[in-house]
Amino acid sequence: MSASREKREELHDAYVAGLEPALERLRARLNAPDEPQLDGSVVSLDAVNEWFLTHINESHETETTDLPSWWDPSKPTAETAEGQNRPFTSAQLALIDEVQAYLGEVLSIAIPGARWVIYKGHKRDFRNGLTMLEVGKGRPLPVRDVVYKEALGVVLSGREVAVDTLSSWVREKVAALA
């Protein structure tokens, strides 16, 4: 990211501040007895991901919603005329935002001491300035990118994504720290 340090900090603060509201929106969506339960466990990710993979592929052109803080507002979304070649509507971006916030919550519970940081890598690293979850030594985890990549695979490629993708990823990260 080529933004100034102040802008990166502003974006980081907005991202972190948006996590709890995103979780609340997801909880509101999943309030029926037959919906996945958001108990913060790694196991719950399978049901949440199954729900997400089904709903991300639905047509959302008639819905519009506020864009997540991490989305560049200068980039059009799929429901706008300029965004016809964009993969996601604002409603789909909201789903991605909500599920990535839940994934971050599960990771934070599974890995005590995890914290949101601004990634600082090699000066040519495209991830520089992004908010990631630091869980110990090594590169912080790109939580949002994991969910976004899943959604891209489903929406753009029509690819089958295993419902245990997120839980397996979390288990792998927890095991690496053990």
N, C-alpha and C. Protein backbone atom coordinates (compact mmCIF):
# COMPACT_ATOMS: atom_id res chain seq x y z
N MET A 1 0.84 -1.16 0.00
CA MET A 1 0.00 0.00 0.00
C MET A 1 0.89 1.23 0.00
N SER A 2 0.61 2.17 -0.85
CA SER A 2 1.46 3.34 -0.99
C SER A 2 0.95 4.55 -0.22
N ALA A 3 0.00 4.37 0.67
CA ALA A 3 -0.55 5.48 1.45
C ALA A 3 0.45 5.93 2.51
N SER A 4 0.26 7.14 2.99
CA SER A 4 1.13 7.67 4.04
C SER A 4 0.90 6.88 5.34
N ARG A 5 1.83 7.03 6.26
CA ARG A 5 1.71 6.35 7.55
C ARG A 5 0.42 6.76 8.25
N GLU A 6 0.09 8.04 8.20
CA GLU A 6 -1.13 8.54 8.85
C GLU A 6 -2.36 7.91 8.23
N LYS A 7 -2.38 7.80 6.90
CA LYS A 7 -3.53 7.20 6.21
C LYS A 7 -3.64 5.71 6.55
N ARG A 8 -2.50 5.01 6.59
CA ARG A 8 -2.52 3.59 6.96
C ARG A 8 -3.08 3.42 8.36
N GLU A 9 -2.67 4.28 9.29
CA GLU A 9 -3.18 4.20 10.67
C GLU A 9 -4.67 4.51 10.72
N GLU A 10 -5.10 5.47 9.93
CA GLU A 10 -6.53 5.81 9.86
C GLU A 10 -7.34 4.62 9.33
N LEU A 11 -6.84 3.99 8.27
CA LEU A 11 -7.52 2.82 7.70
C LEU A 11 -7.51 1.65 8.68
N HIS A 12 -6.41 1.46 9.38
CA HIS A 12 -6.31 0.40 10.39
C HIS A 12 -7.35 0.63 11.49
N ASP A 13 -7.40 1.85 12.00
CA ASP A 13 -8.35 2.17 13.07
C ASP A 13 -9.79 1.94 12.61
N ALA A 14 -10.09 2.34 11.37
CA ALA A 14 -11.44 2.13 10.83
C ALA A 14 -11.75 0.64 10.69
N TYR A 15 -10.77 -0.12 10.26
CA TYR A 15 -10.94 -1.57 10.11
C TYR A 15 -11.25 -2.21 11.46
N VAL A 16 -10.43 -1.91 12.45
CA VAL A 16 -10.61 -2.50 13.78
C VAL A 16 -11.94 -2.05 14.39
N ALA A 17 -12.29 -0.78 14.21
CA ALA A 17 -13.56 -0.27 14.73
C ALA A 17 -14.75 -0.93 14.04
N GLY A 18 -14.58 -1.37 12.81
CA GLY A 18 -15.67 -1.99 12.06
C GLY A 18 -15.88 -3.46 12.36
N LEU A 19 -14.98 -4.09 13.10
CA LEU A 19 -15.10 -5.53 13.35
C LEU A 19 -16.34 -5.86 14.18
N GLU A 20 -16.54 -5.17 15.28
CA GLU A 20 -17.69 -5.47 16.14
C GLU A 20 -19.02 -5.19 15.44
N PRO A 21 -19.18 -4.06 14.75
CA PRO A 21 -20.42 -3.86 14.00
C PRO A 21 -20.67 -4.95 12.94
N ALA A 22 -19.60 -5.40 12.28
CA ALA A 22 -19.74 -6.47 11.30
C ALA A 22 -20.21 -7.76 11.97
N LEU A 23 -19.65 -8.05 13.14
CA LEU A 23 -20.10 -9.24 13.89
C LEU A 23 -21.57 -9.12 14.29
N GLU A 24 -21.97 -7.93 14.71
CA GLU A 24 -23.37 -7.72 15.09
C GLU A 24 -24.30 -7.91 13.90
N ARG A 25 -23.89 -7.44 12.73
CA ARG A 25 -24.72 -7.65 11.53
C ARG A 25 -24.82 -9.14 11.20
N LEU A 26 -23.73 -9.86 11.34
CA LEU A 26 -23.76 -11.30 11.08
C LEU A 26 -24.65 -12.00 12.10
N ARG A 27 -24.54 -11.63 13.36
CA ARG A 27 -25.41 -12.22 14.38
C ARG A 27 -26.88 -11.95 14.07
N ALA A 28 -27.19 -10.75 13.59
CA ALA A 28 -28.57 -10.41 13.23
C ALA A 28 -29.05 -11.26 12.05
N ARG A 29 -28.17 -11.52 11.10
CA ARG A 29 -28.54 -12.38 9.95
C ARG A 29 -28.80 -13.82 10.39
N LEU A 30 -28.01 -14.27 11.35
CA LEU A 30 -28.05 -15.68 11.75
C LEU A 30 -28.78 -15.85 13.08
N ASN A 31 -29.98 -15.30 13.18
CA ASN A 31 -30.70 -15.37 14.44
C ASN A 31 -31.78 -16.44 14.49
N ALA A 32 -32.02 -17.13 13.40
CA ALA A 32 -33.02 -18.19 13.39
C ALA A 32 -32.43 -19.47 13.99
N PRO A 33 -33.28 -20.31 14.58
CA PRO A 33 -32.78 -21.54 15.23
C PRO A 33 -32.04 -22.48 14.28
N ASP A 34 -32.39 -22.46 13.00
CA ASP A 34 -31.73 -23.36 12.05
C ASP A 34 -30.48 -22.75 11.41
N GLU A 35 -30.12 -21.55 11.80
CA GLU A 35 -28.92 -20.88 11.27
C GLU A 35 -27.71 -21.27 12.11
N PRO A 36 -26.51 -21.12 11.55
CA PRO A 36 -25.29 -21.42 12.30
C PRO A 36 -25.21 -20.60 13.59
N GLN A 37 -24.64 -21.20 14.61
CA GLN A 37 -24.46 -20.53 15.90
C GLN A 37 -23.06 -19.93 15.96
N LEU A 38 -22.99 -18.68 16.33
CA LEU A 38 -21.72 -17.97 16.41
C LEU A 38 -21.20 -18.04 17.85
N ASP A 39 -20.61 -19.17 18.19
CA ASP A 39 -20.13 -19.36 19.57
C ASP A 39 -18.63 -19.11 19.70
N GLY A 40 -17.98 -18.69 18.63
CA GLY A 40 -16.55 -18.37 18.68
C GLY A 40 -15.64 -19.58 18.57
N SER A 41 -16.20 -20.75 18.36
CA SER A 41 -15.37 -21.96 18.28
C SER A 41 -14.90 -22.22 16.86
N VAL A 42 -13.81 -22.95 16.76
CA VAL A 42 -13.29 -23.33 15.44
C VAL A 42 -14.31 -24.22 14.73
N VAL A 43 -14.96 -25.08 15.48
CA VAL A 43 -15.96 -25.99 14.89
C VAL A 43 -17.10 -25.21 14.23
N SER A 44 -17.49 -24.08 14.81
CA SER A 44 -18.61 -23.30 14.28
C SER A 44 -18.30 -22.73 12.89
N LEU A 45 -17.03 -22.62 12.55
CA LEU A 45 -16.65 -22.06 11.26
C LEU A 45 -17.19 -22.89 10.09
N ASP A 46 -17.32 -24.19 10.26
CA ASP A 46 -17.81 -25.02 9.16
C ASP A 46 -19.25 -24.65 8.78
N ALA A 47 -20.11 -24.51 9.78
CA ALA A 47 -21.50 -24.14 9.50
C ALA A 47 -21.59 -22.72 8.97
N VAL A 48 -20.82 -21.82 9.55
CA VAL A 48 -20.81 -20.43 9.08
C VAL A 48 -20.30 -20.38 7.64
N ASN A 49 -19.25 -21.11 7.34
CA ASN A 49 -18.69 -21.10 5.99
C ASN A 49 -19.65 -21.73 4.99
N GLU A 50 -20.32 -22.77 5.38
CA GLU A 50 -21.32 -23.38 4.48
C GLU A 50 -22.40 -22.37 4.14
N TRP A 51 -22.89 -21.68 5.17
CA TRP A 51 -23.91 -20.63 4.97
C TRP A 51 -23.35 -19.54 4.05
N PHE A 52 -22.14 -19.08 4.33
CA PHE A 52 -21.50 -18.02 3.55
C PHE A 52 -21.34 -18.43 2.09
N LEU A 53 -20.83 -19.62 1.84
CA LEU A 53 -20.58 -20.06 0.47
C LEU A 53 -21.88 -20.16 -0.33
N THR A 54 -22.98 -20.44 0.33
CA THR A 54 -24.28 -20.47 -0.32
C THR A 54 -24.76 -19.05 -0.62
N HIS A 55 -24.65 -18.17 0.36
CA HIS A 55 -25.21 -16.82 0.22
C HIS A 55 -24.34 -15.87 -0.60
N ILE A 56 -23.06 -16.08 -0.66
CA ILE A 56 -22.20 -15.17 -1.42
C ILE A 56 -22.47 -15.28 -2.91
N ASN A 57 -22.96 -16.41 -3.34
CA ASN A 57 -23.19 -16.65 -4.77
C ASN A 57 -24.59 -16.21 -5.21
N GLU A 58 -25.43 -15.80 -4.27
CA GLU A 58 -26.76 -15.34 -4.63
C GLU A 58 -26.66 -13.97 -5.29
N SER A 59 -27.63 -13.66 -6.11
CA SER A 59 -27.66 -12.34 -6.75
C SER A 59 -28.04 -11.29 -5.72
N HIS A 60 -27.24 -10.24 -5.64
CA HIS A 60 -27.48 -9.17 -4.66
C HIS A 60 -27.59 -7.81 -5.35
N GLU A 61 -27.91 -7.77 -6.63
CA GLU A 61 -27.92 -6.50 -7.36
C GLU A 61 -28.96 -5.53 -6.83
N THR A 62 -30.05 -6.02 -6.26
CA THR A 62 -31.10 -5.11 -5.79
C THR A 62 -30.81 -4.58 -4.39
N GLU A 63 -29.89 -5.19 -3.69
CA GLU A 63 -29.52 -4.72 -2.35
C GLU A 63 -28.31 -3.81 -2.48
N THR A 64 -28.32 -2.74 -1.72
CA THR A 64 -27.10 -1.95 -1.59
C THR A 64 -26.89 -1.69 -0.11
N THR A 65 -25.67 -1.60 0.27
CA THR A 65 -25.32 -1.40 1.66
C THR A 65 -24.05 -0.58 1.74
N ASP A 66 -23.74 -0.13 2.92
CA ASP A 66 -22.50 0.62 3.10
C ASP A 66 -21.32 -0.29 2.80
N LEU A 67 -20.30 0.29 2.23
CA LEU A 67 -19.10 -0.47 1.91
C LEU A 67 -18.25 -0.67 3.16
N PRO A 68 -17.59 -1.82 3.26
CA PRO A 68 -16.69 -2.04 4.40
C PRO A 68 -15.55 -1.02 4.39
N SER A 69 -14.98 -0.77 5.54
CA SER A 69 -13.90 0.23 5.66
C SER A 69 -12.68 -0.15 4.83
N TRP A 70 -12.47 -1.44 4.58
CA TRP A 70 -11.30 -1.87 3.84
C TRP A 70 -11.48 -1.76 2.33
N TRP A 71 -12.70 -1.51 1.86
CA TRP A 71 -12.93 -1.40 0.42
C TRP A 71 -12.59 0.02 -0.02
N ASP A 72 -11.86 0.15 -1.11
CA ASP A 72 -11.50 1.45 -1.66
C ASP A 72 -12.76 2.05 -2.28
N PRO A 73 -13.28 3.14 -1.70
CA PRO A 73 -14.53 3.70 -2.22
C PRO A 73 -14.42 4.25 -3.64
N SER A 74 -13.21 4.44 -4.14
CA SER A 74 -13.06 4.92 -5.52
C SER A 74 -13.25 3.77 -6.52
N LYS A 75 -13.25 2.53 -6.02
CA LYS A 75 -13.48 1.38 -6.91
C LYS A 75 -14.97 1.09 -6.95
N PRO A 76 -15.53 1.01 -8.15
CA PRO A 76 -16.96 0.72 -8.24
C PRO A 76 -17.26 -0.73 -7.82
N THR A 77 -18.49 -0.96 -7.44
CA THR A 77 -18.94 -2.32 -7.11
C THR A 77 -19.74 -2.85 -8.28
N ALA A 78 -20.09 -4.11 -8.25
CA ALA A 78 -20.74 -4.77 -9.38
C ALA A 78 -22.10 -4.18 -9.72
N GLU A 79 -22.79 -3.57 -8.75
CA GLU A 79 -24.13 -3.07 -9.07
C GLU A 79 -24.12 -1.71 -9.76
N THR A 80 -22.97 -1.08 -9.88
CA THR A 80 -22.90 0.20 -10.58
C THR A 80 -22.50 -0.02 -12.02
N ALA A 81 -22.87 0.90 -12.88
CA ALA A 81 -22.55 0.77 -14.31
C ALA A 81 -21.05 0.69 -14.53
N GLU A 82 -20.28 1.48 -13.75
CA GLU A 82 -18.83 1.47 -13.91
C GLU A 82 -18.22 0.18 -13.38
N GLY A 83 -18.94 -0.50 -12.53
CA GLY A 83 -18.40 -1.68 -11.88
C GLY A 83 -18.84 -2.99 -12.51
N GLN A 84 -19.30 -2.95 -13.73
CA GLN A 84 -19.82 -4.16 -14.37
C GLN A 84 -18.79 -5.28 -14.43
N ASN A 85 -17.52 -4.94 -14.43
CA ASN A 85 -16.48 -5.98 -14.46
C ASN A 85 -15.97 -6.31 -13.07
N ARG A 86 -16.57 -5.75 -12.05
CA ARG A 86 -16.17 -6.03 -10.67
C ARG A 86 -16.91 -7.28 -10.19
N PRO A 87 -16.26 -8.07 -9.35
CA PRO A 87 -16.88 -9.34 -8.96
C PRO A 87 -17.99 -9.22 -7.91
N PHE A 88 -17.97 -8.17 -7.07
CA PHE A 88 -18.88 -8.16 -5.94
C PHE A 88 -19.75 -6.91 -5.87
N THR A 89 -20.97 -7.12 -5.41
CA THR A 89 -21.86 -6.01 -5.09
C THR A 89 -21.52 -5.53 -3.68
N SER A 90 -22.08 -4.41 -3.29
CA SER A 90 -21.85 -3.92 -1.93
C SER A 90 -22.41 -4.90 -0.91
N ALA A 91 -23.52 -5.55 -1.22
CA ALA A 91 -24.10 -6.53 -0.30
C ALA A 91 -23.18 -7.75 -0.14
N GLN A 92 -22.56 -8.19 -1.22
CA GLN A 92 -21.62 -9.30 -1.13
C GLN A 92 -20.38 -8.89 -0.34
N LEU A 93 -19.91 -7.66 -0.54
CA LEU A 93 -18.77 -7.17 0.24
C LEU A 93 -19.12 -7.13 1.72
N ALA A 94 -20.36 -6.79 2.04
CA ALA A 94 -20.80 -6.78 3.44
C ALA A 94 -20.75 -8.20 4.02
N LEU A 95 -21.17 -9.20 3.24
CA LEU A 95 -21.09 -10.59 3.71
C LEU A 95 -19.63 -11.00 3.97
N ILE A 96 -18.76 -10.63 3.05
CA ILE A 96 -17.33 -10.93 3.23
C ILE A 96 -16.82 -10.27 4.50
N ASP A 97 -17.19 -9.01 4.69
CA ASP A 97 -16.77 -8.26 5.87
C ASP A 97 -17.24 -8.94 7.16
N GLU A 98 -18.47 -9.39 7.18
CA GLU A 98 -19.03 -10.02 8.37
C GLU A 98 -18.35 -11.35 8.68
N VAL A 99 -18.14 -12.16 7.66
CA VAL A 99 -17.52 -13.47 7.88
C VAL A 99 -16.04 -13.31 8.25
N GLN A 100 -15.35 -12.36 7.66
CA GLN A 100 -13.94 -12.17 8.03
C GLN A 100 -13.84 -11.65 9.45
N ALA A 101 -14.81 -10.86 9.90
CA ALA A 101 -14.80 -10.39 11.30
C ALA A 101 -15.00 -11.58 12.24
N TYR A 102 -15.88 -12.50 11.86
CA TYR A 102 -16.09 -13.69 12.69
C TYR A 102 -14.85 -14.58 12.69
N LEU A 103 -14.22 -14.74 11.54
CA LEU A 103 -12.99 -15.52 11.47
C LEU A 103 -11.93 -14.91 12.38
N GLY A 104 -11.82 -13.60 12.38
CA GLY A 104 -10.88 -12.92 13.27
C GLY A 104 -11.21 -13.16 14.73
N GLU A 105 -12.50 -13.16 15.07
CA GLU A 105 -12.91 -13.43 16.44
C GLU A 105 -12.53 -14.86 16.85
N VAL A 106 -12.78 -15.82 15.98
CA VAL A 106 -12.44 -17.22 16.28
C VAL A 106 -10.93 -17.36 16.48
N LEU A 107 -10.15 -16.75 15.61
CA LEU A 107 -8.70 -16.80 15.75
C LEU A 107 -8.25 -16.15 17.06
N SER A 108 -8.85 -15.03 17.42
CA SER A 108 -8.48 -14.34 18.65
C SER A 108 -8.80 -15.16 19.88
N ILE A 109 -9.86 -15.95 19.82
CA ILE A 109 -10.21 -16.84 20.93
C ILE A 109 -9.26 -18.04 20.96
N ALA A 110 -8.97 -18.59 19.78
CA ALA A 110 -8.12 -19.79 19.69
C ALA A 110 -6.65 -19.49 19.99
N ILE A 111 -6.24 -18.25 19.76
CA ILE A 111 -4.84 -17.87 19.94
C ILE A 111 -4.78 -16.67 20.89
N PRO A 112 -4.69 -16.95 22.18
CA PRO A 112 -4.62 -15.83 23.13
C PRO A 112 -3.45 -14.90 22.80
N GLY A 113 -3.69 -13.63 22.95
CA GLY A 113 -2.66 -12.64 22.65
C GLY A 113 -2.66 -12.16 21.21
N ALA A 114 -3.53 -12.71 20.37
CA ALA A 114 -3.62 -12.25 18.98
C ALA A 114 -4.08 -10.80 18.99
N ARG A 115 -3.51 -10.03 18.07
CA ARG A 115 -3.90 -8.61 18.01
C ARG A 115 -3.81 -8.11 16.58
N TRP A 116 -4.65 -7.13 16.27
CA TRP A 116 -4.68 -6.53 14.94
C TRP A 116 -3.55 -5.54 14.82
N VAL A 117 -2.78 -5.66 13.74
CA VAL A 117 -1.63 -4.79 13.50
C VAL A 117 -1.62 -4.32 12.05
N ILE A 118 -0.83 -3.29 11.81
CA ILE A 118 -0.57 -2.84 10.45
C ILE A 118 0.66 -3.61 9.98
N TYR A 119 0.51 -4.36 8.91
CA TYR A 119 1.62 -5.19 8.42
C TYR A 119 2.73 -4.32 7.86
N LYS A 120 3.94 -4.63 8.29
CA LYS A 120 5.13 -3.94 7.78
C LYS A 120 6.12 -5.00 7.32
N GLY A 121 6.19 -5.19 6.04
CA GLY A 121 7.11 -6.16 5.48
C GLY A 121 8.13 -5.45 4.61
N HIS A 122 8.69 -6.20 3.69
CA HIS A 122 9.65 -5.64 2.74
C HIS A 122 8.98 -4.50 2.00
N LYS A 123 9.75 -3.50 1.63
CA LYS A 123 9.18 -2.30 1.02
C LYS A 123 8.41 -2.58 -0.27
N ARG A 124 8.69 -3.69 -0.93
CA ARG A 124 7.98 -4.03 -2.16
C ARG A 124 6.81 -4.99 -1.94
N ASP A 125 6.58 -5.37 -0.71
CA ASP A 125 5.50 -6.30 -0.39
C ASP A 125 4.16 -5.60 -0.55
N PHE A 126 3.30 -6.15 -1.39
CA PHE A 126 2.00 -5.52 -1.66
C PHE A 126 1.10 -5.49 -0.43
N ARG A 127 1.41 -6.28 0.58
CA ARG A 127 0.58 -6.31 1.79
C ARG A 127 0.93 -5.20 2.78
N ASN A 128 2.01 -4.48 2.54
CA ASN A 128 2.40 -3.41 3.44
C ASN A 128 1.24 -2.47 3.70
N GLY A 129 1.01 -2.15 4.96
CA GLY A 129 -0.04 -1.23 5.33
C GLY A 129 -1.39 -1.86 5.57
N LEU A 130 -1.54 -3.15 5.25
CA LEU A 130 -2.82 -3.82 5.48
C LEU A 130 -2.95 -4.23 6.94
N THR A 131 -4.18 -4.27 7.40
CA THR A 131 -4.44 -4.74 8.76
C THR A 131 -4.50 -6.25 8.74
N MET A 132 -3.69 -6.85 9.60
CA MET A 132 -3.62 -8.31 9.71
C MET A 132 -3.62 -8.68 11.19
N LEU A 133 -3.81 -9.95 11.46
CA LEU A 133 -3.87 -10.44 12.83
C LEU A 133 -2.53 -11.05 13.21
N GLU A 134 -1.85 -10.42 14.15
CA GLU A 134 -0.57 -10.92 14.64
C GLU A 134 -0.86 -11.98 15.70
N VAL A 135 -0.26 -13.16 15.50
CA VAL A 135 -0.55 -14.29 16.40
C VAL A 135 0.72 -14.89 17.00
N GLY A 136 1.80 -14.23 16.89
CA GLY A 136 3.07 -14.74 17.37
C GLY A 136 4.16 -14.36 16.41
N LYS A 137 5.19 -15.17 16.36
CA LYS A 137 6.30 -14.89 15.44
C LYS A 137 5.86 -15.21 14.01
N GLY A 138 6.51 -14.57 13.09
CA GLY A 138 6.18 -14.78 11.69
C GLY A 138 5.23 -13.71 11.17
N ARG A 139 4.86 -13.85 9.93
CA ARG A 139 3.99 -12.89 9.29
C ARG A 139 2.60 -12.94 9.91
N PRO A 140 1.98 -11.78 10.14
CA PRO A 140 0.60 -11.77 10.64
C PRO A 140 -0.33 -12.43 9.62
N LEU A 141 -1.49 -12.82 10.09
CA LEU A 141 -2.45 -13.55 9.25
C LEU A 141 -3.36 -12.60 8.48
N PRO A 142 -3.51 -12.82 7.18
CA PRO A 142 -4.37 -11.97 6.34
C PRO A 142 -5.82 -12.45 6.40
N VAL A 143 -6.47 -12.23 7.50
CA VAL A 143 -7.81 -12.77 7.75
C VAL A 143 -8.79 -12.39 6.65
N ARG A 144 -8.88 -11.11 6.35
CA ARG A 144 -9.82 -10.67 5.33
C ARG A 144 -9.55 -11.33 3.99
N ASP A 145 -8.28 -11.43 3.64
CA ASP A 145 -7.91 -11.98 2.34
C ASP A 145 -8.31 -13.44 2.18
N VAL A 146 -8.30 -14.19 3.26
CA VAL A 146 -8.68 -15.60 3.20
C VAL A 146 -10.15 -15.73 2.79
N VAL A 147 -11.01 -14.93 3.41
CA VAL A 147 -12.44 -14.97 3.11
C VAL A 147 -12.70 -14.38 1.72
N TYR A 148 -12.04 -13.29 1.39
CA TYR A 148 -12.20 -12.66 0.09
C TYR A 148 -11.81 -13.63 -1.03
N LYS A 149 -10.71 -14.33 -0.83
CA LYS A 149 -10.24 -15.29 -1.84
C LYS A 149 -11.24 -16.42 -2.02
N GLU A 150 -11.80 -16.89 -0.93
CA GLU A 150 -12.84 -17.91 -1.02
C GLU A 150 -14.01 -17.42 -1.87
N ALA A 151 -14.46 -16.20 -1.58
CA ALA A 151 -15.59 -15.63 -2.30
C ALA A 151 -15.27 -15.46 -3.78
N LEU A 152 -14.06 -15.02 -4.09
CA LEU A 152 -13.66 -14.88 -5.49
C LEU A 152 -13.75 -16.23 -6.21
N GLY A 153 -13.27 -17.27 -5.56
CA GLY A 153 -13.31 -18.59 -6.18
C GLY A 153 -14.72 -19.04 -6.50
N VAL A 154 -15.64 -18.77 -5.59
CA VAL A 154 -17.02 -19.19 -5.78
C VAL A 154 -17.72 -18.32 -6.83
N VAL A 155 -17.60 -17.01 -6.69
CA VAL A 155 -18.34 -16.09 -7.55
C VAL A 155 -17.75 -16.00 -8.95
N LEU A 156 -16.45 -15.86 -9.07
CA LEU A 156 -15.84 -15.69 -10.39
C LEU A 156 -15.61 -17.00 -11.12
N SER A 157 -15.14 -17.99 -10.39
CA SER A 157 -14.76 -19.25 -11.03
C SER A 157 -15.81 -20.33 -10.93
N GLY A 158 -16.80 -20.13 -10.08
CA GLY A 158 -17.78 -21.18 -9.86
C GLY A 158 -17.14 -22.40 -9.21
N ARG A 159 -16.03 -22.18 -8.54
CA ARG A 159 -15.25 -23.25 -7.94
C ARG A 159 -15.95 -23.78 -6.69
N GLU A 160 -15.84 -25.07 -6.47
CA GLU A 160 -16.32 -25.67 -5.24
C GLU A 160 -15.30 -25.38 -4.15
N VAL A 161 -15.77 -24.88 -3.02
CA VAL A 161 -14.91 -24.61 -1.89
C VAL A 161 -15.40 -25.47 -0.74
N ALA A 162 -14.50 -26.21 -0.14
CA ALA A 162 -14.87 -27.09 0.98
C ALA A 162 -15.34 -26.25 2.16
N VAL A 163 -16.40 -26.70 2.83
CA VAL A 163 -16.92 -25.93 3.96
C VAL A 163 -15.94 -25.89 5.12
N ASP A 164 -14.98 -26.82 5.17
CA ASP A 164 -14.02 -26.81 6.27
C ASP A 164 -12.75 -26.02 5.94
N THR A 165 -12.78 -25.23 4.88
CA THR A 165 -11.60 -24.46 4.49
C THR A 165 -11.15 -23.51 5.59
N LEU A 166 -12.07 -22.76 6.17
CA LEU A 166 -11.70 -21.79 7.20
C LEU A 166 -11.26 -22.48 8.49
N SER A 167 -12.01 -23.51 8.90
CA SER A 167 -11.64 -24.19 10.15
C SER A 167 -10.30 -24.90 10.00
N SER A 168 -10.04 -25.47 8.83
CA SER A 168 -8.75 -26.13 8.58
C SER A 168 -7.61 -25.11 8.62
N TRP A 169 -7.86 -23.93 8.06
CA TRP A 169 -6.86 -22.87 8.06
C TRP A 169 -6.54 -22.44 9.49
N VAL A 170 -7.58 -22.28 10.31
CA VAL A 170 -7.37 -21.89 11.71
C VAL A 170 -6.60 -22.98 12.45
N ARG A 171 -7.01 -24.24 12.27
CA ARG A 171 -6.32 -25.35 12.95
C ARG A 171 -4.84 -25.38 12.55
N GLU A 172 -4.57 -25.15 11.28
CA GLU A 172 -3.19 -25.13 10.79
C GLU A 172 -2.39 -24.01 11.47
N LYS A 173 -2.99 -22.84 11.60
CA LYS A 173 -2.30 -21.71 12.22
C LYS A 173 -2.08 -21.95 13.72
N VAL A 174 -3.08 -22.53 14.38
CA VAL A 174 -2.93 -22.85 15.81
C VAL A 174 -1.86 -23.91 16.01
N ALA A 175 -1.85 -24.93 15.18
CA ALA A 175 -0.85 -26.01 15.29
C ALA A 175 0.56 -25.46 15.04
N ALA A 176 0.70 -24.52 14.14
CA ALA A 176 2.03 -23.95 13.85
C ALA A 176 2.60 -23.20 15.05
N LEU A 177 1.72 -22.72 15.91
CA LEU A 177 2.17 -21.97 17.09
C LEU A 177 2.46 -22.88 18.28
N ALA A 178 2.01 -24.12 18.19
CA ALA A 178 2.18 -25.03 19.33
C ALA A 178 3.61 -25.54 19.45
